[in-house]
C-alpha atoms as a PDB file:
ATOM      1  CA  MET A   1     -65.500 -21.332  -1.925  1.00  0.00           C
ATOM      2  CA  ARG A   2     -64.963 -21.380  -5.678  1.00  0.00           C
ATOM      3  CA  GLY A   3     -67.150 -19.083  -7.726  1.00  0.00           C
ATOM      4  CA  THR A   4     -68.749 -19.907 -11.056  1.00  0.00           C
ATOM      5  CA  GLN A   5     -68.723 -18.082 -14.357  1.00  0.00           C
ATOM      6  CA  ASN A   6     -71.913 -16.279 -15.238  1.00  0.00           C
ATOM      7  CA  PHE A   7     -71.866 -15.091 -18.829  1.00  0.00           C
ATOM      8  CA  GLN A   8     -74.010 -11.992 -19.356  1.00  0.00           C
ATOM      9  CA  GLY A   9     -72.970 -11.094 -22.871  1.00  0.00           C
ATOM     10  CA  ALA A  10     -76.566 -10.879 -24.085  1.00  0.00           C
ATOM     11  CA  MET A  11     -77.190  -8.048 -21.637  1.00  0.00           C
ATOM     12  CA  PHE A  12     -75.051  -5.618 -23.624  1.00  0.00           C
ATOM     13  CA  SER A  13     -75.048  -6.897 -27.203  1.00  0.00           C
ATOM     14  CA  ASP A  14     -77.040  -8.980 -29.648  1.00  0.00           C
ATOM     15  CA  ILE A  15     -73.880 -10.403 -31.216  1.00  0.00           C
ATOM     16  CA  SER A  16     -71.841 -12.984 -29.300  1.00  0.00           C
ATOM     17  CA  LEU A  17     -68.105 -12.632 -28.825  1.00  0.00           C
ATOM     18  CA  LYS A  18     -67.449 -15.718 -30.956  1.00  0.00           C
ATOM     19  CA  GLU A  19     -69.209 -14.033 -33.868  1.00  0.00           C
ATOM     20  CA  ARG A  20     -67.076 -10.903 -33.518  1.00  0.00           C
ATOM     21  CA  VAL A  21     -63.657 -12.586 -33.411  1.00  0.00           C
ATOM     22  CA  LEU A  22     -62.247 -14.418 -36.423  1.00  0.00           C
ATOM     23  CA  GLN A  23     -61.655 -18.105 -35.734  1.00  0.00           C
ATOM     24  CA  ALA A  24     -58.242 -17.811 -37.423  1.00  0.00           C
ATOM     25  CA  HIS A  25     -57.049 -15.296 -34.819  1.00  0.00           C
ATOM     26  CA  PRO A  26     -53.987 -16.558 -32.902  1.00  0.00           C
ATOM     27  CA  LEU A  27     -55.681 -15.958 -29.548  1.00  0.00           C
ATOM     28  CA  CYS A  28     -58.418 -18.452 -30.444  1.00  0.00           C
ATOM     29  CA  ARG A  29     -55.845 -21.211 -30.842  1.00  0.00           C
ATOM     30  CA  LEU A  30     -54.068 -20.122 -27.664  1.00  0.00           C
ATOM     31  CA  ARG A  31     -57.378 -20.135 -25.777  1.00  0.00           C
ATOM     32  CA  ALA A  32     -57.960 -23.795 -26.657  1.00  0.00           C
ATOM     33  CA  VAL A  33     -54.500 -24.726 -25.352  1.00  0.00           C
ATOM     34  CA  VAL A  34     -54.916 -22.681 -22.153  1.00  0.00           C
ATOM     35  CA  ASP A  35     -58.408 -24.111 -21.503  1.00  0.00           C
ATOM     36  CA  ALA A  36     -57.062 -27.659 -21.826  1.00  0.00           C
ATOM     37  CA  LEU A  37     -54.170 -26.896 -19.483  1.00  0.00           C
ATOM     38  CA  LEU A  38     -56.375 -25.250 -16.870  1.00  0.00           C
ATOM     39  CA  ALA A  39     -58.823 -28.150 -17.016  1.00  0.00           C
ATOM     40  CA  THR A  40     -56.021 -30.427 -15.792  1.00  0.00           C
ATOM     41  CA  MET A  41     -55.501 -28.159 -12.769  1.00  0.00           C
ATOM     42  CA  ASP A  42     -59.031 -28.455 -11.303  1.00  0.00           C
ATOM     43  CA  ARG A  43     -57.873 -30.551  -8.324  1.00  0.00           C
ATOM     44  CA  GLU A  44     -55.208 -27.989  -7.410  1.00  0.00           C
ATOM     45  CA  PHE A  45     -57.717 -25.122  -7.569  1.00  0.00           C
ATOM     46  CA  GLU A  46     -60.188 -27.059  -5.438  1.00  0.00           C
ATOM     47  CA  ALA A  47     -57.516 -27.809  -2.826  1.00  0.00           C
ATOM     48  CA  VAL A  48     -56.538 -24.171  -2.239  1.00  0.00           C
ATOM     49  CA  ASN A  49     -60.045 -22.690  -2.048  1.00  0.00           C
ATOM     50  CA  ALA A  50     -61.933 -22.385   1.212  1.00  0.00           C
ATOM     51  CA  ARG A  51     -65.069 -24.429   1.798  1.00  0.00           C
ATOM     52  CA  GLN A  52     -66.951 -21.578   3.476  1.00  0.00           C
ATOM     53  CA  GLY A  53     -67.480 -17.924   2.865  1.00  0.00           C
ATOM     54  CA  ARG A  54     -68.190 -15.776  -0.109  1.00  0.00           C
ATOM     55  CA  PRO A  55     -67.600 -17.295  -3.569  1.00  0.00           C
ATOM     56  CA  SER A  56     -64.361 -16.150  -5.155  1.00  0.00           C
ATOM     57  CA  VAL A  57     -63.666 -15.205  -8.736  1.00  0.00           C
ATOM     58  CA  PRO A  58     -62.969 -18.484 -10.562  1.00  0.00           C
ATOM     59  CA  PRO A  59     -59.198 -19.081 -10.630  1.00  0.00           C
ATOM     60  CA  LYS A  60     -59.341 -20.047 -14.315  1.00  0.00           C
ATOM     61  CA  ARG A  61     -60.793 -16.656 -15.163  1.00  0.00           C
ATOM     62  CA  LEU A  62     -58.118 -14.852 -13.137  1.00  0.00           C
ATOM     63  CA  LEU A  63     -55.262 -16.746 -14.793  1.00  0.00           C
ATOM     64  CA  LYS A  64     -56.685 -16.248 -18.279  1.00  0.00           C
ATOM     65  CA  THR A  65     -57.078 -12.533 -17.552  1.00  0.00           C
ATOM     66  CA  LEU A  66     -53.471 -12.266 -16.363  1.00  0.00           C
ATOM     67  CA  LEU A  67     -52.274 -14.086 -19.481  1.00  0.00           C
ATOM     68  CA  LEU A  68     -54.167 -11.666 -21.755  1.00  0.00           C
ATOM     69  CA  GLN A  69     -52.833  -8.698 -19.801  1.00  0.00           C
ATOM     70  CA  THR A  70     -49.297 -10.007 -20.218  1.00  0.00           C
ATOM     71  CA  LEU A  71     -49.706 -10.695 -23.929  1.00  0.00           C
ATOM     72  CA  PHE A  72     -51.175  -7.264 -24.668  1.00  0.00           C
ATOM     73  CA  SER A  73     -48.554  -5.411 -22.614  1.00  0.00           C
ATOM     74  CA  ILE A  74     -45.680  -6.789 -24.697  1.00  0.00           C
ATOM     75  CA  ARG A  75     -44.440  -4.053 -26.988  1.00  0.00           C
ATOM     76  CA  SER A  76     -44.167  -4.792 -30.677  1.00  0.00           C
ATOM     77  CA  GLU A  77     -40.955  -4.374 -32.656  1.00  0.00           C
ATOM     78  CA  ARG A  78     -42.582  -1.740 -34.877  1.00  0.00           C
END
């Protein structure tokens, strides 16, 4: 069973994440590309998830998290 995203940002802060991050940041542009790509994969995600049981973490969230982890673990040349 595929889980859903529940955003609880207001629980911890009065300022949203979009207000904190500059729109010119490279990750904002990358996020738009990744969101579009993952939207095309909805049928594949639906096919591999069970119909019963406890809801899982949404696959889109897991893949986006892994991408961020990979990007931030790359060492700089400095």
